[in-house]
Amino acid sequence: MVLLVGIAFLAGVVTAISPCVLPVLPIVFAGGASGGGRRRPVAIVAGIVVAFTTSLLAEYLTAERDARVAAVVYSGVMLAMAVAFSVLYAWGALHPPLLRDGVDPAAARASIPRFTAGTVLYLATVGVALLSAPLCLAVHFLLAVYYSFQQLTRRAG
């Protein structure tokens, strides 16, 4: 498994300099979504990491191998992203000058516990991954759906 993680990392480096368009699309989308500036390199690295850990998990789920280790790696990456997002969100919510015009600072601060709870749920997916990789993937899907609808509900309300 360690060898595969190393190969996935090396594949990410090769993809970053590859002229082929298809493997580079997640990187381009992540870099473009960041809006440029100082965040662009971080978004590009995040795009590479997510793309290749997802690929690793998909390969293990479709092959005749034990996919639990790949699911743990995937859950670990998602947990790291959840922690980073929660910290950055809390920082922004607690510093109103960083918020975009029209964002209510009190509402932003009030939503911090919801993101913290999500981080705990992502930590739980690491344990679920040790039991079953497909179940872990289903839990990740449900978390994504939950947060998608929460965002839509918050904007509409």
Protein backbone atom coordinates (compact mmCIF):
# COMPACT_ATOMS: atom_id res chain seq x y z
CA MET A 1 0.00 0.00 0.00
CA VAL A 2 2.85 2.39 0.81
CA LEU A 3 4.27 1.66 -2.61
CA LEU A 4 0.93 2.53 -4.23
CA VAL A 5 0.71 5.82 -2.33
CA GLY A 6 4.22 6.64 -3.56
CA ILE A 7 3.25 5.73 -7.11
CA ALA A 8 0.09 7.85 -6.80
CA PHE A 9 2.20 10.79 -5.62
CA LEU A 10 4.62 10.31 -8.50
CA ALA A 11 1.69 10.05 -10.91
CA GLY A 12 0.45 13.38 -9.57
CA VAL A 13 3.81 14.99 -10.27
CA VAL A 14 3.89 13.53 -13.79
CA THR A 15 0.29 14.63 -14.40
CA ALA A 16 1.14 18.17 -13.36
CA ILE A 17 3.60 18.39 -16.26
CA SER A 18 1.67 16.14 -18.67
CA PRO A 19 0.47 17.57 -21.99
CA CYS A 20 -2.56 15.25 -21.96
CA VAL A 21 -5.72 17.20 -21.18
CA LEU A 22 -7.93 14.62 -19.45
CA PRO A 23 -5.77 13.86 -16.38
CA VAL A 24 -5.11 17.55 -15.87
CA LEU A 25 -8.77 18.63 -15.75
CA PRO A 26 -9.21 18.26 -11.95
CA ILE A 27 -6.11 20.38 -11.46
CA VAL A 28 -7.29 23.04 -13.89
CA PHE A 29 -10.74 23.17 -12.32
CA ALA A 30 -9.31 23.38 -8.81
CA GLY A 31 -6.87 26.11 -9.83
CA GLY A 32 -9.57 28.07 -11.66
CA ALA A 33 -12.05 27.78 -8.78
CA SER A 34 -9.52 29.31 -6.40
CA GLY A 35 -9.66 32.63 -8.23
CA GLY A 36 -5.91 32.88 -8.60
CA GLY A 37 -3.57 34.70 -6.28
CA ARG A 38 -1.84 33.01 -3.37
CA ARG A 39 -4.53 30.31 -3.09
CA ARG A 40 -3.97 28.91 -6.57
CA PRO A 41 -1.01 26.59 -5.74
CA VAL A 42 -2.90 25.18 -2.73
CA ALA A 43 -5.98 24.54 -4.89
CA ILE A 44 -3.87 22.81 -7.54
CA VAL A 45 -2.25 20.53 -4.96
CA ALA A 46 -5.68 19.79 -3.43
CA GLY A 47 -7.00 18.92 -6.89
CA ILE A 48 -4.13 16.51 -7.46
CA VAL A 49 -4.46 14.87 -4.04
CA VAL A 50 -8.23 14.38 -4.28
CA ALA A 51 -8.06 13.11 -7.87
CA PHE A 52 -5.40 10.51 -7.17
CA THR A 53 -6.73 9.27 -3.83
CA THR A 54 -10.16 8.90 -5.43
CA SER A 55 -8.53 7.00 -8.29
CA LEU A 56 -6.69 4.78 -5.81
CA LEU A 57 -9.92 3.97 -3.98
CA ALA A 58 -11.77 3.28 -7.24
CA GLU A 59 -9.00 0.93 -8.39
CA TYR A 60 -9.11 -1.01 -5.15
CA LEU A 61 -12.91 -1.20 -5.15
CA THR A 62 -12.99 -2.65 -8.66
CA ALA A 63 -10.00 -4.99 -8.27
CA GLU A 64 -9.85 -8.23 -6.34
CA ARG A 65 -7.94 -6.54 -3.52
CA ASP A 66 -8.62 -5.45 0.02
CA ALA A 67 -9.96 -1.94 -0.47
CA ARG A 68 -10.09 -1.04 3.21
CA VAL A 69 -6.58 0.41 3.27
CA ALA A 70 -7.35 2.56 0.23
CA ALA A 71 -10.58 3.66 1.93
CA VAL A 72 -8.61 4.66 5.02
CA VAL A 73 -6.26 6.74 2.86
CA TYR A 74 -9.23 8.35 1.11
CA SER A 75 -10.98 9.05 4.43
CA GLY A 76 -7.76 10.49 5.83
CA VAL A 77 -7.47 12.90 2.92
CA MET A 78 -11.12 13.93 3.29
CA LEU A 79 -10.60 14.36 7.05
CA ALA A 80 -7.56 16.59 6.45
CA MET A 81 -9.57 18.69 4.03
CA ALA A 82 -12.46 18.93 6.50
CA VAL A 83 -10.12 20.05 9.28
CA ALA A 84 -8.46 22.63 7.01
CA PHE A 85 -11.82 23.94 5.80
CA SER A 86 -13.22 24.12 9.35
CA VAL A 87 -10.20 26.04 10.61
CA LEU A 88 -10.26 28.46 7.69
CA TYR A 89 -14.02 28.94 7.97
CA ALA A 90 -13.83 29.58 11.71
CA TRP A 91 -10.98 32.03 11.18
CA GLY A 92 -12.97 33.94 8.58
CA ALA A 93 -16.18 33.87 10.63
CA LEU A 94 -14.39 35.20 13.71
CA HIS A 95 -12.75 38.04 11.75
CA PRO A 96 -15.62 40.02 10.12
CA PRO A 97 -13.36 42.17 7.88
CA LEU A 98 -12.46 38.97 6.01
CA LEU A 99 -16.10 38.26 5.16
CA ARG A 100 -17.61 39.23 1.85
CA ASP A 101 -20.01 42.17 1.76
CA GLY A 102 -23.54 41.11 2.62
CA VAL A 103 -22.49 38.19 4.85
CA ASP A 104 -23.92 38.46 8.35
CA PRO A 105 -21.01 37.93 10.81
CA ALA A 106 -23.36 36.57 13.50
CA ALA A 107 -24.81 33.98 11.09
CA ALA A 108 -21.29 33.00 9.99
CA ARG A 109 -20.21 32.51 13.62
CA ALA A 110 -23.39 30.55 14.38
CA SER A 111 -22.61 28.03 11.64
CA ILE A 112 -19.13 27.16 13.00
CA PRO A 113 -20.44 24.23 15.14
CA ARG A 114 -22.06 22.65 12.07
CA PHE A 115 -18.71 22.50 10.28
CA THR A 116 -16.98 21.23 13.41
CA ALA A 117 -19.54 18.42 13.66
CA GLY A 118 -18.81 17.54 10.04
CA THR A 119 -15.13 17.17 10.87
CA VAL A 120 -16.04 14.68 13.61
CA LEU A 121 -18.17 12.76 11.11
CA TYR A 122 -15.25 12.62 8.67
CA LEU A 123 -13.10 11.25 11.49
CA ALA A 124 -15.72 8.53 11.97
CA THR A 125 -15.38 7.57 8.28
CA VAL A 126 -11.82 6.44 8.99
CA GLY A 127 -13.23 3.87 11.40
CA VAL A 128 -15.95 2.88 8.94
CA ALA A 129 -13.24 2.40 6.31
CA LEU A 130 -11.59 -0.22 8.48
CA LEU A 131 -14.84 -2.20 8.46
CA SER A 132 -15.98 -1.82 4.85
CA ALA A 133 -14.73 0.25 1.92
CA PRO A 134 -18.10 0.38 0.08
CA LEU A 135 -19.85 1.45 3.29
CA CYS A 136 -17.21 4.13 3.78
CA LEU A 137 -17.84 5.43 0.28
CA ALA A 138 -21.59 5.48 0.94
CA VAL A 139 -21.05 7.49 4.14
CA HIS A 140 -18.89 10.00 2.25
CA PHE A 141 -21.63 10.33 -0.35
CA LEU A 142 -24.26 10.93 2.33
CA LEU A 143 -22.06 13.58 3.98
CA ALA A 144 -21.67 15.36 0.65
CA VAL A 145 -25.42 15.27 0.03
CA TYR A 146 -26.15 16.52 3.55
CA TYR A 147 -23.80 19.49 3.23
CA SER A 148 -25.09 20.28 -0.26
CA PHE A 149 -28.66 20.51 0.96
CA GLN A 150 -27.61 22.38 4.09
CA GLN A 151 -25.98 25.01 1.93
CA LEU A 152 -29.06 25.31 -0.29
CA THR A 153 -31.33 25.51 2.74
CA ARG A 154 -29.21 28.20 4.37
CA ARG A 155 -29.17 30.36 1.23
CA ALA A 156 -32.91 30.05 0.63
CA GLY A 157 -33.80 30.75 4.27
